[in-house]
């Protein structure tokens, strides 16, 4: 995958990578809810990684059964 790709050309809306995309609450091992901020850059890096290793192609079908309270659903 071209690491120099300009993702800004995909949309007329420009969102800085350091902006918070969403906040998810997790209890971790303590049992006390903790807010975790996920930034747009984190999501973009994850998508780049999947594309780089050719994890999926256009003929793949992905079934995902997970609660929306778990951030993998994004």
C-alpha atoms as a PDB file:
ATOM      1  CA  UNK A   1       0.000   0.000   0.000  1.00  0.00           C
ATOM      2  CA  UNK A   2       1.242   3.474  -0.836  1.00  0.00           C
ATOM      3  CA  UNK A   3       2.140   5.067   2.483  1.00  0.00           C
ATOM      4  CA  UNK A   4       2.217   8.489   0.814  1.00  0.00           C
ATOM      5  CA  UNK A   5      -1.457   8.258  -0.139  1.00  0.00           C
ATOM      6  CA  UNK A   6      -3.358  11.443   0.583  1.00  0.00           C
ATOM      7  CA  UNK A   7      -6.499  10.269   2.395  1.00  0.00           C
ATOM      8  CA  UNK A   8      -7.882  13.807   2.233  1.00  0.00           C
ATOM      9  CA  UNK A   9      -8.702  13.309  -1.460  1.00  0.00           C
ATOM     10  CA  UNK A  10     -11.361  10.732  -0.506  1.00  0.00           C
ATOM     11  CA  UNK A  11     -13.714  13.281   1.038  1.00  0.00           C
ATOM     12  CA  UNK A  12     -14.378  16.991   1.061  1.00  0.00           C
ATOM     13  CA  UNK A  13     -14.408  16.846   4.877  1.00  0.00           C
ATOM     14  CA  UNK A  14     -10.934  17.175   6.372  1.00  0.00           C
ATOM     15  CA  UNK A  15     -10.525  15.581   9.805  1.00  0.00           C
ATOM     16  CA  UNK A  16      -7.152  15.887  11.551  1.00  0.00           C
ATOM     17  CA  UNK A  17      -5.791  12.509  12.641  1.00  0.00           C
ATOM     18  CA  UNK A  18      -5.322  13.682  16.212  1.00  0.00           C
ATOM     19  CA  UNK A  19      -9.021  14.519  16.599  1.00  0.00           C
ATOM     20  CA  UNK A  20     -11.014  12.075  18.734  1.00  0.00           C
ATOM     21  CA  UNK A  21     -13.128   9.712  16.617  1.00  0.00           C
ATOM     22  CA  UNK A  22     -15.000   8.149  19.523  1.00  0.00           C
ATOM     23  CA  UNK A  23     -14.752   7.354  23.220  1.00  0.00           C
ATOM     24  CA  UNK A  24     -15.397   3.863  24.509  1.00  0.00           C
ATOM     25  CA  UNK A  25     -15.704   2.841  28.129  1.00  0.00           C
ATOM     26  CA  UNK A  26     -13.913  -0.249  29.329  1.00  0.00           C
ATOM     27  CA  UNK A  27     -13.610  -1.789  32.764  1.00  0.00           C
ATOM     28  CA  UNK A  28     -10.381  -3.618  32.094  1.00  0.00           C
ATOM     29  CA  UNK A  29      -9.194  -5.672  35.033  1.00  0.00           C
ATOM     30  CA  UNK A  30     -10.269  -3.174  37.701  1.00  0.00           C
ATOM     31  CA  UNK A  31     -14.028  -3.367  37.135  1.00  0.00           C
ATOM     32  CA  UNK A  32     -14.156   0.444  37.219  1.00  0.00           C
ATOM     33  CA  UNK A  33     -15.250   2.092  33.936  1.00  0.00           C
ATOM     34  CA  UNK A  34     -12.455   3.941  32.183  1.00  0.00           C
ATOM     35  CA  UNK A  35     -12.895   6.240  29.155  1.00  0.00           C
ATOM     36  CA  UNK A  36     -10.562   5.440  26.272  1.00  0.00           C
ATOM     37  CA  UNK A  37     -10.219   8.026  23.515  1.00  0.00           C
ATOM     38  CA  UNK A  38      -9.712   6.592  20.038  1.00  0.00           C
ATOM     39  CA  UNK A  39      -8.353   9.048  17.510  1.00  0.00           C
ATOM     40  CA  UNK A  40      -8.999   9.087  13.771  1.00  0.00           C
ATOM     41  CA  UNK A  41      -5.314   8.279  13.210  1.00  0.00           C
ATOM     42  CA  UNK A  42      -5.669   5.045  15.196  1.00  0.00           C
ATOM     43  CA  UNK A  43      -8.510   3.898  12.947  1.00  0.00           C
ATOM     44  CA  UNK A  44      -6.700   4.943   9.748  1.00  0.00           C
ATOM     45  CA  UNK A  45      -3.533   3.108  10.828  1.00  0.00           C
ATOM     46  CA  UNK A  46      -5.580  -0.030  11.489  1.00  0.00           C
ATOM     47  CA  UNK A  47      -7.165   0.138   8.012  1.00  0.00           C
ATOM     48  CA  UNK A  48      -3.764   0.727   6.380  1.00  0.00           C
ATOM     49  CA  UNK A  49      -2.406  -2.352   8.183  1.00  0.00           C
ATOM     50  CA  UNK A  50      -5.261  -4.541   6.957  1.00  0.00           C
ATOM     51  CA  UNK A  51      -4.768  -3.320   3.393  1.00  0.00           C
ATOM     52  CA  UNK A  52      -0.977  -3.734   3.600  1.00  0.00           C
ATOM     53  CA  UNK A  53      -1.169  -7.402   4.600  1.00  0.00           C
ATOM     54  CA  UNK A  54      -3.958  -8.044   2.083  1.00  0.00           C
ATOM     55  CA  UNK A  55      -6.273  -9.232   4.843  1.00  0.00           C
ATOM     56  CA  UNK A  56      -9.345  -8.794   2.635  1.00  0.00           C
ATOM     57  CA  UNK A  57     -10.137  -8.527  -1.022  1.00  0.00           C
ATOM     58  CA  UNK A  58     -13.233  -7.496  -2.973  1.00  0.00           C
ATOM     59  CA  UNK A  59     -14.659 -11.040  -3.009  1.00  0.00           C
ATOM     60  CA  UNK A  60     -14.503 -11.577   0.767  1.00  0.00           C
ATOM     61  CA  UNK A  61     -17.553 -11.527   2.990  1.00  0.00           C
ATOM     62  CA  UNK A  62     -17.051 -10.692   6.645  1.00  0.00           C
ATOM     63  CA  UNK A  63     -19.607 -11.657   9.269  1.00  0.00           C
ATOM     64  CA  UNK A  64     -19.113  -9.986  12.593  1.00  0.00           C
ATOM     65  CA  UNK A  65     -21.238 -10.746  15.625  1.00  0.00           C
ATOM     66  CA  UNK A  66     -20.118  -8.479  18.409  1.00  0.00           C
ATOM     67  CA  UNK A  67     -21.857  -6.045  20.740  1.00  0.00           C
ATOM     68  CA  UNK A  68     -21.646  -2.392  19.734  1.00  0.00           C
ATOM     69  CA  UNK A  69     -20.154  -1.696  23.157  1.00  0.00           C
ATOM     70  CA  UNK A  70     -16.965  -3.382  21.936  1.00  0.00           C
ATOM     71  CA  UNK A  71     -14.984  -1.130  19.610  1.00  0.00           C
ATOM     72  CA  UNK A  72     -14.152  -3.781  17.017  1.00  0.00           C
ATOM     73  CA  UNK A  73     -17.671  -3.212  15.629  1.00  0.00           C
ATOM     74  CA  UNK A  74     -16.470   0.126  14.225  1.00  0.00           C
END
